All heavy atoms as atom14 arrays in JSON, in Angstrom:
{
  "sequence": "IKGAVAVAGCIYRLRVGASKEDVRAYASRFYDLNFTLDDIRERYTFD",
  "atom14_mask": [
    [1, 1, 1, 1, 1, 1, 1, 1, 0, 0, 0, 0, 0, 0],
    [1, 1, 1, 1, 1, 1, 1, 1, 1, 0, 0, 0, 0, 0],
    [1, 1, 1, 1, 0, 0, 0, 0, 0, 0, 0, 0, 0, 0],
    [1, 1, 1, 1, 1, 0, 0, 0, 0, 0, 0, 0, 0, 0],
    [1, 1, 1, 1, 1, 1, 1, 0, 0, 0, 0, 0, 0, 0],
    [1, 1, 1, 1, 1, 0, 0, 0, 0, 0, 0, 0, 0, 0],
    [1, 1, 1, 1, 1, 1, 1, 0, 0, 0, 0, 0, 0, 0],
    [1, 1, 1, 1, 1, 0, 0, 0, 0, 0, 0, 0, 0, 0],
    [1, 1, 1, 1, 0, 0, 0, 0, 0, 0, 0, 0, 0, 0],
    [1, 1, 1, 1, 1, 1, 0, 0, 0, 0, 0, 0, 0, 0],
    [1, 1, 1, 1, 1, 1, 1, 1, 0, 0, 0, 0, 0, 0],
    [1, 1, 1, 1, 1, 1, 1, 1, 1, 1, 1, 1, 0, 0],
    [1, 1, 1, 1, 1, 1, 1, 1, 1, 1, 1, 0, 0, 0],
    [1, 1, 1, 1, 1, 1, 1, 1, 0, 0, 0, 0, 0, 0],
    [1, 1, 1, 1, 1, 1, 1, 1, 1, 1, 1, 0, 0, 0],
    [1, 1, 1, 1, 1, 1, 1, 0, 0, 0, 0, 0, 0, 0],
    [1, 1, 1, 1, 0, 0, 0, 0, 0, 0, 0, 0, 0, 0],
    [1, 1, 1, 1, 1, 0, 0, 0, 0, 0, 0, 0, 0, 0],
    [1, 1, 1, 1, 1, 1, 0, 0, 0, 0, 0, 0, 0, 0],
    [1, 1, 1, 1, 1, 1, 1, 1, 1, 0, 0, 0, 0, 0],
    [1, 1, 1, 1, 1, 1, 1, 1, 1, 0, 0, 0, 0, 0],
    [1, 1, 1, 1, 1, 1, 1, 1, 0, 0, 0, 0, 0, 0],
    [1, 1, 1, 1, 1, 1, 1, 0, 0, 0, 0, 0, 0, 0],
    [1, 1, 1, 1, 1, 1, 1, 1, 1, 1, 1, 0, 0, 0],
    [1, 1, 1, 1, 1, 0, 0, 0, 0, 0, 0, 0, 0, 0],
    [1, 1, 1, 1, 1, 1, 1, 1, 1, 1, 1, 1, 0, 0],
    [1, 1, 1, 1, 1, 0, 0, 0, 0, 0, 0, 0, 0, 0],
    [1, 1, 1, 1, 1, 1, 0, 0, 0, 0, 0, 0, 0, 0],
    [1, 1, 1, 1, 1, 1, 1, 1, 1, 1, 1, 0, 0, 0],
    [1, 1, 1, 1, 1, 1, 1, 1, 1, 1, 1, 0, 0, 0],
    [1, 1, 1, 1, 1, 1, 1, 1, 1, 1, 1, 1, 0, 0],
    [1, 1, 1, 1, 1, 1, 1, 1, 0, 0, 0, 0, 0, 0],
    [1, 1, 1, 1, 1, 1, 1, 1, 0, 0, 0, 0, 0, 0],
    [1, 1, 1, 1, 1, 1, 1, 1, 0, 0, 0, 0, 0, 0],
    [1, 1, 1, 1, 1, 1, 1, 1, 1, 1, 1, 0, 0, 0],
    [1, 1, 1, 1, 1, 1, 1, 0, 0, 0, 0, 0, 0, 0],
    [1, 1, 1, 1, 1, 1, 1, 1, 0, 0, 0, 0, 0, 0],
    [1, 1, 1, 1, 1, 1, 1, 1, 0, 0, 0, 0, 0, 0],
    [1, 1, 1, 1, 1, 1, 1, 1, 0, 0, 0, 0, 0, 0],
    [1, 1, 1, 1, 1, 1, 1, 1, 0, 0, 0, 0, 0, 0],
    [1, 1, 1, 1, 1, 1, 1, 1, 1, 1, 1, 0, 0, 0],
    [1, 1, 1, 1, 1, 1, 1, 1, 1, 0, 0, 0, 0, 0],
    [1, 1, 1, 1, 1, 1, 1, 1, 1, 1, 1, 0, 0, 0],
    [1, 1, 1, 1, 1, 1, 1, 1, 1, 1, 1, 1, 0, 0],
    [1, 1, 1, 1, 1, 1, 1, 0, 0, 0, 0, 0, 0, 0],
    [1, 1, 1, 1, 1, 1, 1, 1, 1, 1, 1, 0, 0, 0],
    [1, 1, 1, 1, 1, 1, 1, 1, 0, 0, 0, 0, 0, 0]
  ],
  "atom14_positions": [
    [[0.86, -1.2, 0.06], [0.01, -0.06, 0.02], [0.83, 1.25, 0.02], [0.7, 2.17, -0.71], [-1.03, -0.01, 1.22], [-1.92, -1.15, 0.94], [-1.58, 1.28, 1.38], [-2.91, -1.48, 2.13], [0.0, 0.0, 0.0], [0.0, 0.0, 0.0], [0.0, 0.0, 0.0], [0.0, 0.0, 0.0], [0.0, 0.0, 0.0], [0.0, 0.0, 0.0]],
    [[1.95, 1.23, 0.77], [2.82, 2.38, 0.81], [3.44, 2.58, -0.54], [3.55, 3.69, -1.0], [4.0, 2.15, 1.89], [4.97, 3.24, 2.03], [5.92, 3.12, 3.16], [7.08, 2.26, 2.68], [8.17, 2.36, 3.73], [0.0, 0.0, 0.0], [0.0, 0.0, 0.0], [0.0, 0.0, 0.0], [0.0, 0.0, 0.0], [0.0, 0.0, 0.0]],
    [[3.88, 1.61, -1.24], [4.39, 1.75, -2.6], [3.44, 2.33, -3.59], [3.73, 3.22, -4.4], [0.0, 0.0, 0.0], [0.0, 0.0, 0.0], [0.0, 0.0, 0.0], [0.0, 0.0, 0.0], [0.0, 0.0, 0.0], [0.0, 0.0, 0.0], [0.0, 0.0, 0.0], [0.0, 0.0, 0.0], [0.0, 0.0, 0.0], [0.0, 0.0, 0.0]],
    [[2.15, 1.86, -3.5], [1.14, 2.37, -4.39], [0.88, 3.7, -4.09], [0.7, 4.55, -5.12], [-0.09, 1.48, -4.21], [0.0, 0.0, 0.0], [0.0, 0.0, 0.0], [0.0, 0.0, 0.0], [0.0, 0.0, 0.0], [0.0, 0.0, 0.0], [0.0, 0.0, 0.0], [0.0, 0.0, 0.0], [0.0, 0.0, 0.0], [0.0, 0.0, 0.0]],
    [[0.76, 4.1, -2.82], [0.55, 5.53, -2.52], [1.68, 6.46, -3.06], [1.47, 7.53, -3.66], [0.33, 5.68, -0.99], [0.33, 7.15, -0.48], [-1.0, 5.0, -0.57], [0.0, 0.0, 0.0], [0.0, 0.0, 0.0], [0.0, 0.0, 0.0], [0.0, 0.0, 0.0], [0.0, 0.0, 0.0], [0.0, 0.0, 0.0], [0.0, 0.0, 0.0]],
    [[2.91, 6.02, -2.77], [4.06, 6.75, -3.23], [4.14, 6.89, -4.75], [4.34, 8.09, -5.22], [5.42, 6.16, -2.77], [0.0, 0.0, 0.0], [0.0, 0.0, 0.0], [0.0, 0.0, 0.0], [0.0, 0.0, 0.0], [0.0, 0.0, 0.0], [0.0, 0.0, 0.0], [0.0, 0.0, 0.0], [0.0, 0.0, 0.0], [0.0, 0.0, 0.0]],
    [[3.85, 5.85, -5.49], [3.84, 5.92, -6.98], [2.73, 6.89, -7.53], [2.84, 7.77, -8.21], [3.74, 4.56, -7.59], [3.55, 4.71, -9.13], [5.11, 3.77, -7.32], [0.0, 0.0, 0.0], [0.0, 0.0, 0.0], [0.0, 0.0, 0.0], [0.0, 0.0, 0.0], [0.0, 0.0, 0.0], [0.0, 0.0, 0.0], [0.0, 0.0, 0.0]],
    [[1.45, 6.66, -6.88], [0.4, 7.52, -7.29], [0.67, 9.02, -7.11], [0.38, 9.85, -7.9], [-0.94, 6.99, -6.66], [0.0, 0.0, 0.0], [0.0, 0.0, 0.0], [0.0, 0.0, 0.0], [0.0, 0.0, 0.0], [0.0, 0.0, 0.0], [0.0, 0.0, 0.0], [0.0, 0.0, 0.0], [0.0, 0.0, 0.0], [0.0, 0.0, 0.0]],
    [[1.2, 9.16, -5.95], [1.5, 10.56, -5.46], [2.57, 11.17, -6.46], [2.49, 12.37, -6.76], [0.0, 0.0, 0.0], [0.0, 0.0, 0.0], [0.0, 0.0, 0.0], [0.0, 0.0, 0.0], [0.0, 0.0, 0.0], [0.0, 0.0, 0.0], [0.0, 0.0, 0.0], [0.0, 0.0, 0.0], [0.0, 0.0, 0.0], [0.0, 0.0, 0.0]],
    [[3.61, 10.45, -6.82], [4.73, 10.99, -7.71], [4.11, 11.32, -9.02], [4.36, 12.34, -9.57], [5.67, 9.98, -7.89], [6.85, 9.69, -6.46], [0.0, 0.0, 0.0], [0.0, 0.0, 0.0], [0.0, 0.0, 0.0], [0.0, 0.0, 0.0], [0.0, 0.0, 0.0], [0.0, 0.0, 0.0], [0.0, 0.0, 0.0], [0.0, 0.0, 0.0]],
    [[3.26, 10.4, -9.53], [2.64, 10.67, -10.92], [1.74, 11.86, -10.86], [1.76, 12.75, -11.72], [1.88, 9.4, -11.38], [2.87, 8.35, -11.56], [1.08, 9.71, -12.57], [2.27, 6.93, -11.91], [0.0, 0.0, 0.0], [0.0, 0.0, 0.0], [0.0, 0.0, 0.0], [0.0, 0.0, 0.0], [0.0, 0.0, 0.0], [0.0, 0.0, 0.0]],
    [[0.91, 12.05, -9.89], [0.02, 13.19, -9.71], [0.76, 14.4, -9.85], [0.54, 15.46, -10.47], [-0.91, 13.05, -8.51], [-1.72, 14.31, -8.34], [-2.78, 14.53, -9.06], [-1.18, 15.42, -7.57], [-3.55, 15.72, -9.0], [-1.93, 16.56, -7.47], [-3.0, 16.76, -8.22], [-3.72, 17.95, -8.12], [0.0, 0.0, 0.0], [0.0, 0.0, 0.0]],
    [[1.86, 14.43, -8.82], [2.61, 15.64, -8.76], [3.41, 16.02, -10.1], [3.3, 17.29, -10.46], [3.71, 15.47, -7.6], [3.07, 15.69, -6.31], [3.88, 15.06, -5.12], [3.27, 15.52, -3.92], [2.22, 14.77, -3.31], [1.58, 13.78, -4.1], [1.7, 15.17, -2.27], [0.0, 0.0, 0.0], [0.0, 0.0, 0.0], [0.0, 0.0, 0.0]],
    [[3.84, 15.06, -10.85], [4.48, 15.29, -12.17], [3.52, 15.85, -13.07], [3.68, 16.68, -13.85], [5.22, 14.05, -12.57], [6.38, 13.8, -11.88], [6.98, 12.28, -12.18], [7.58, 14.7, -12.14], [0.0, 0.0, 0.0], [0.0, 0.0, 0.0], [0.0, 0.0, 0.0], [0.0, 0.0, 0.0], [0.0, 0.0, 0.0], [0.0, 0.0, 0.0]],
    [[2.28, 15.23, -13.0], [1.18, 15.62, -14.09], [0.79, 17.0, -13.9], [0.5, 17.57, -14.77], [0.04, 14.65, -13.7], [-1.17, 14.85, -14.67], [-2.17, 13.72, -14.55], [-2.76, 13.78, -13.22], [-3.85, 14.54, -12.92], [-4.36, 15.42, -13.84], [-4.44, 14.42, -11.76], [0.0, 0.0, 0.0], [0.0, 0.0, 0.0], [0.0, 0.0, 0.0]],
    [[0.96, 17.53, -12.69], [0.53, 18.93, -12.5], [1.7, 19.95, -12.4], [1.5, 21.06, -12.04], [-0.38, 19.11, -11.17], [-1.67, 18.33, -11.26], [0.33, 18.7, -9.94], [0.0, 0.0, 0.0], [0.0, 0.0, 0.0], [0.0, 0.0, 0.0], [0.0, 0.0, 0.0], [0.0, 0.0, 0.0], [0.0, 0.0, 0.0], [0.0, 0.0, 0.0]],
    [[2.94, 19.44, -12.87], [4.07, 20.36, -13.04], [5.07, 20.27, -12.02], [6.03, 21.13, -12.11], [0.0, 0.0, 0.0], [0.0, 0.0, 0.0], [0.0, 0.0, 0.0], [0.0, 0.0, 0.0], [0.0, 0.0, 0.0], [0.0, 0.0, 0.0], [0.0, 0.0, 0.0], [0.0, 0.0, 0.0], [0.0, 0.0, 0.0], [0.0, 0.0, 0.0]],
    [[5.18, 19.23, -11.13], [6.27, 19.22, -10.14], [7.57, 18.92, -10.8], [7.6, 18.39, -11.9], [5.95, 18.08, -9.16], [0.0, 0.0, 0.0], [0.0, 0.0, 0.0], [0.0, 0.0, 0.0], [0.0, 0.0, 0.0], [0.0, 0.0, 0.0], [0.0, 0.0, 0.0], [0.0, 0.0, 0.0], [0.0, 0.0, 0.0], [0.0, 0.0, 0.0]],
    [[8.61, 19.23, -10.29], [10.01, 18.97, -10.72], [10.46, 17.69, -10.18], [9.83, 17.14, -9.21], [10.97, 20.07, -10.33], [11.19, 20.01, -8.82], [0.0, 0.0, 0.0], [0.0, 0.0, 0.0], [0.0, 0.0, 0.0], [0.0, 0.0, 0.0], [0.0, 0.0, 0.0], [0.0, 0.0, 0.0], [0.0, 0.0, 0.0], [0.0, 0.0, 0.0]],
    [[11.62, 17.29, -10.67], [12.22, 16.03, -10.19], [12.59, 16.21, -8.71], [12.48, 15.23, -7.82], [13.42, 15.54, -10.97], [13.08, 15.01, -12.3], [14.31, 14.38, -12.97], [13.86, 13.53, -14.14], [15.06, 12.79, -14.71], [0.0, 0.0, 0.0], [0.0, 0.0, 0.0], [0.0, 0.0, 0.0], [0.0, 0.0, 0.0], [0.0, 0.0, 0.0]],
    [[13.06, 17.38, -8.37], [13.4, 17.68, -7.02], [12.24, 17.59, -6.11], [12.25, 17.14, -4.92], [14.12, 19.06, -6.91], [15.39, 19.2, -7.64], [15.28, 19.35, -9.03], [14.24, 19.78, -9.6], [16.16, 19.08, -9.77], [0.0, 0.0, 0.0], [0.0, 0.0, 0.0], [0.0, 0.0, 0.0], [0.0, 0.0, 0.0], [0.0, 0.0, 0.0]],
    [[11.05, 18.09, -6.47], [9.82, 17.97, -5.83], [9.48, 16.53, -5.44], [9.09, 16.1, -4.53], [8.68, 18.62, -6.56], [8.85, 20.07, -6.68], [9.44, 20.77, -5.69], [8.23, 20.69, -7.57], [0.0, 0.0, 0.0], [0.0, 0.0, 0.0], [0.0, 0.0, 0.0], [0.0, 0.0, 0.0], [0.0, 0.0, 0.0], [0.0, 0.0, 0.0]],
    [[9.67, 15.7, -6.53], [9.27, 14.23, -6.46], [10.22, 13.59, -5.56], [9.9, 12.64, -4.8], [9.3, 13.63, -7.92], [9.22, 12.14, -7.87], [8.08, 14.06, -8.74], [0.0, 0.0, 0.0], [0.0, 0.0, 0.0], [0.0, 0.0, 0.0], [0.0, 0.0, 0.0], [0.0, 0.0, 0.0], [0.0, 0.0, 0.0], [0.0, 0.0, 0.0]],
    [[11.47, 13.83, -5.67], [12.47, 13.24, -4.64], [12.06, 13.61, -3.18], [12.01, 12.68, -2.34], [13.87, 13.78, -5.02], [14.9, 13.1, -4.02], [16.34, 13.61, -4.17], [16.87, 13.05, -5.42], [17.31, 11.85, -5.74], [17.29, 10.93, -4.68], [17.71, 11.43, -6.83], [0.0, 0.0, 0.0], [0.0, 0.0, 0.0], [0.0, 0.0, 0.0]],
    [[11.77, 14.84, -2.96], [11.31, 15.28, -1.62], [9.99, 14.5, -1.11], [9.96, 14.06, -0.06], [11.14, 16.75, -1.6], [0.0, 0.0, 0.0], [0.0, 0.0, 0.0], [0.0, 0.0, 0.0], [0.0, 0.0, 0.0], [0.0, 0.0, 0.0], [0.0, 0.0, 0.0], [0.0, 0.0, 0.0], [0.0, 0.0, 0.0], [0.0, 0.0, 0.0]],
    [[9.07, 14.43, -2.02], [7.81, 13.75, -1.78], [8.09, 12.22, -1.48], [7.73, 11.72, -0.53], [6.85, 13.86, -2.91], [5.69, 13.02, -2.78], [4.62, 13.28, -1.82], [5.57, 11.8, -3.54], [3.5, 12.47, -1.56], [4.4, 10.98, -3.37], [3.44, 11.34, -2.38], [2.35, 10.41, -2.16], [0.0, 0.0, 0.0], [0.0, 0.0, 0.0]],
    [[8.78, 11.62, -2.38], [9.1, 10.15, -2.2], [9.95, 9.86, -1.0], [9.79, 8.82, -0.51], [9.75, 9.58, -3.48], [0.0, 0.0, 0.0], [0.0, 0.0, 0.0], [0.0, 0.0, 0.0], [0.0, 0.0, 0.0], [0.0, 0.0, 0.0], [0.0, 0.0, 0.0], [0.0, 0.0, 0.0], [0.0, 0.0, 0.0], [0.0, 0.0, 0.0]],
    [[10.78, 10.76, -0.65], [11.72, 10.55, 0.56], [10.8, 10.47, 1.78], [11.37, 10.08, 2.83], [12.7, 11.71, 0.63], [13.58, 11.53, -0.39], [0.0, 0.0, 0.0], [0.0, 0.0, 0.0], [0.0, 0.0, 0.0], [0.0, 0.0, 0.0], [0.0, 0.0, 0.0], [0.0, 0.0, 0.0], [0.0, 0.0, 0.0], [0.0, 0.0, 0.0]],
    [[9.6, 10.94, 1.79], [8.62, 10.73, 2.88], [8.36, 9.19, 3.06], [8.01, 8.85, 4.23], [7.38, 11.47, 2.69], [7.53, 13.02, 2.64], [6.25, 13.71, 2.36], [5.05, 13.05, 2.69], [3.82, 13.29, 2.15], [3.67, 14.17, 1.2], [2.75, 12.62, 2.51], [0.0, 0.0, 0.0], [0.0, 0.0, 0.0], [0.0, 0.0, 0.0]],
    [[8.51, 8.52, 2.06], [8.09, 7.08, 2.02], [9.41, 6.15, 2.09], [9.42, 5.06, 2.75], [7.3, 6.65, 0.84], [6.04, 7.4, 0.79], [5.97, 8.59, 0.05], [4.85, 6.96, 1.43], [4.75, 9.26, -0.06], [3.68, 7.64, 1.35], [3.6, 8.88, 0.52], [0.0, 0.0, 0.0], [0.0, 0.0, 0.0], [0.0, 0.0, 0.0]],
    [[10.43, 6.55, 1.43], [11.61, 5.76, 1.23], [12.84, 6.55, 1.39], [12.93, 7.69, 1.11], [11.63, 5.04, -0.14], [10.42, 4.19, -0.45], [9.35, 4.57, -1.2], [10.37, 2.9, 0.17], [8.22, 3.7, -1.44], [9.28, 2.06, -0.02], [8.32, 2.48, -0.9], [7.11, 1.73, -1.05], [0.0, 0.0, 0.0], [0.0, 0.0, 0.0]],
    [[14.0, 5.79, 1.83], [15.28, 6.4, 1.84], [15.88, 6.38, 0.52], [16.08, 5.3, -0.14], [16.16, 5.68, 2.76], [17.63, 6.07, 2.85], [17.93, 7.16, 2.18], [18.47, 5.39, 3.52], [0.0, 0.0, 0.0], [0.0, 0.0, 0.0], [0.0, 0.0, 0.0], [0.0, 0.0, 0.0], [0.0, 0.0, 0.0], [0.0, 0.0, 0.0]],
    [[16.03, 7.52, -0.21], [16.55, 7.58, -1.49], [17.92, 8.12, -1.61], [18.39, 8.67, -2.52], [15.64, 8.56, -2.38], [14.18, 8.12, -2.6], [13.4, 9.08, -3.29], [14.11, 6.65, -3.25], [0.0, 0.0, 0.0], [0.0, 0.0, 0.0], [0.0, 0.0, 0.0], [0.0, 0.0, 0.0], [0.0, 0.0, 0.0], [0.0, 0.0, 0.0]],
    [[18.73, 7.8, -0.5], [20.11, 8.21, -0.48], [21.0, 7.22, -1.12], [21.86, 6.69, -0.4], [20.41, 8.58, 1.0], [19.81, 9.76, 1.49], [19.73, 10.83, 0.85], [19.37, 9.71, 2.84], [0.0, 0.0, 0.0], [0.0, 0.0, 0.0], [0.0, 0.0, 0.0], [0.0, 0.0, 0.0], [0.0, 0.0, 0.0], [0.0, 0.0, 0.0]],
    [[20.84, 7.0, -2.38], [21.72, 6.16, -3.09], [21.5, 6.39, -4.63], [20.59, 7.18, -4.92], [21.12, 4.6, -2.96], [19.81, 4.41, -3.52], [19.56, 3.85, -4.73], [18.61, 4.44, -2.7], [18.33, 3.59, -5.25], [17.36, 4.17, -3.2], [17.28, 3.82, -4.49], [0.0, 0.0, 0.0], [0.0, 0.0, 0.0], [0.0, 0.0, 0.0]],
    [[22.4, 5.99, -5.39], [22.21, 6.12, -6.81], [22.23, 4.75, -7.37], [22.55, 3.68, -6.74], [23.54, 6.8, -7.48], [24.7, 6.05, -7.28], [23.71, 8.21, -6.8], [0.0, 0.0, 0.0], [0.0, 0.0, 0.0], [0.0, 0.0, 0.0], [0.0, 0.0, 0.0], [0.0, 0.0, 0.0], [0.0, 0.0, 0.0], [0.0, 0.0, 0.0]],
    [[21.81, 4.49, -8.6], [21.76, 3.31, -9.27], [23.14, 2.69, -9.37], [23.36, 1.48, -9.21], [21.11, 3.36, -10.63], [19.7, 3.85, -10.69], [19.2, 3.89, -12.09], [18.78, 2.91, -9.84], [0.0, 0.0, 0.0], [0.0, 0.0, 0.0], [0.0, 0.0, 0.0], [0.0, 0.0, 0.0], [0.0, 0.0, 0.0], [0.0, 0.0, 0.0]],
    [[24.19, 3.52, -9.6], [25.61, 3.02, -9.66], [25.95, 2.45, -8.28], [26.68, 1.57, -8.25], [26.56, 4.24, -10.06], [26.51, 4.46, -11.56], [26.1, 3.62, -12.26], [27.07, 5.52, -11.93], [0.0, 0.0, 0.0], [0.0, 0.0, 0.0], [0.0, 0.0, 0.0], [0.0, 0.0, 0.0], [0.0, 0.0, 0.0], [0.0, 0.0, 0.0]],
    [[25.5, 3.04, -7.23], [25.77, 2.5, -5.87], [25.3, 1.02, -5.71], [25.87, 0.32, -4.92], [25.15, 3.39, -4.81], [25.68, 4.8, -4.58], [26.83, 5.04, -5.18], [25.02, 5.67, -4.04], [0.0, 0.0, 0.0], [0.0, 0.0, 0.0], [0.0, 0.0, 0.0], [0.0, 0.0, 0.0], [0.0, 0.0, 0.0], [0.0, 0.0, 0.0]],
    [[24.1, 0.85, -6.17], [23.45, -0.52, -6.01], [23.56, -1.5, -7.1], [23.41, -2.77, -6.82], [21.99, -0.34, -5.59], [21.25, 0.16, -6.8], [21.82, 0.55, -4.36], [19.67, 0.14, -6.53], [0.0, 0.0, 0.0], [0.0, 0.0, 0.0], [0.0, 0.0, 0.0], [0.0, 0.0, 0.0], [0.0, 0.0, 0.0], [0.0, 0.0, 0.0]],
    [[24.06, -1.07, -8.22], [23.98, -1.95, -9.36], [24.71, -3.3, -9.14], [24.13, -4.4, -9.46], [24.52, -1.25, -10.64], [24.41, -1.99, -11.97], [24.7, -1.13, -13.09], [23.6, -0.25, -13.42], [23.77, 1.1, -13.27], [24.74, 1.63, -12.91], [22.58, 1.87, -13.62], [0.0, 0.0, 0.0], [0.0, 0.0, 0.0], [0.0, 0.0, 0.0]],
    [[25.95, -3.28, -8.59], [26.72, -4.6, -8.43], [26.02, -5.48, -7.37], [26.32, -6.76, -7.51], [28.13, -4.17, -8.04], [28.93, -3.51, -9.13], [29.02, -4.32, -10.4], [29.28, -5.47, -10.2], [28.85, -3.79, -11.59], [0.0, 0.0, 0.0], [0.0, 0.0, 0.0], [0.0, 0.0, 0.0], [0.0, 0.0, 0.0], [0.0, 0.0, 0.0]],
    [[25.42, -5.01, -6.45], [24.95, -5.84, -5.38], [23.43, -6.02, -5.34], [22.88, -6.77, -4.51], [25.46, -5.39, -3.96], [24.87, -4.1, -3.54], [25.45, -3.47, -2.26], [24.74, -2.44, -1.57], [24.42, -1.26, -2.06], [24.5, -1.13, -3.25], [23.91, -0.39, -1.27], [0.0, 0.0, 0.0], [0.0, 0.0, 0.0], [0.0, 0.0, 0.0]],
    [[22.72, -5.37, -6.18], [21.3, -5.48, -6.17], [20.8, -6.86, -6.78], [21.36, -7.43, -7.68], [20.56, -4.37, -7.1], [19.07, -4.34, -7.0], [18.51, -3.82, -5.93], [18.37, -4.93, -8.0], [17.15, -3.81, -5.93], [17.07, -4.85, -8.11], [16.39, -4.34, -6.87], [15.05, -4.38, -6.91], [0.0, 0.0, 0.0], [0.0, 0.0, 0.0]],
    [[19.91, -7.4, -6.09], [19.31, -8.74, -6.42], [17.91, -8.69, -6.58], [17.24, -7.73, -6.18], [19.78, -9.79, -5.36], [19.21, -9.42, -4.13], [21.3, -9.95, -5.25], [0.0, 0.0, 0.0], [0.0, 0.0, 0.0], [0.0, 0.0, 0.0], [0.0, 0.0, 0.0], [0.0, 0.0, 0.0], [0.0, 0.0, 0.0], [0.0, 0.0, 0.0]],
    [[17.31, -9.86, -7.05], [15.88, -9.93, -7.34], [15.2, -9.73, -5.83], [15.5, -10.34, -4.91], [15.65, -11.33, -7.88], [14.19, -11.45, -8.34], [13.85, -11.13, -9.55], [13.1, -11.89, -7.48], [12.5, -11.28, -10.11], [11.81, -11.99, -7.87], [11.59, -11.7, -9.25], [0.0, 0.0, 0.0], [0.0, 0.0, 0.0], [0.0, 0.0, 0.0]],
    [[14.23, -8.85, -5.85], [13.46, -8.55, -4.72], [12.07, -8.07, -5.11], [11.92, -7.06, -5.64], [14.2, -7.48, -3.87], [13.47, -7.22, -2.59], [12.33, -7.55, -2.43], [14.15, -6.54, -1.72], [0.0, 0.0, 0.0], [0.0, 0.0, 0.0], [0.0, 0.0, 0.0], [0.0, 0.0, 0.0], [0.0, 0.0, 0.0], [0.0, 0.0, 0.0]]
  ]
}
């Protein structure tokens, strides 16, 4: 449910003109986004 709420909220915000920075701030209410794809690429596994 948390994931669905976060995704729906991100899409709504972008649809009405939010920036990527706005989306990062919003999504950070739900998840720790203190990583980059390069940071996790080597160790990321099926989840």
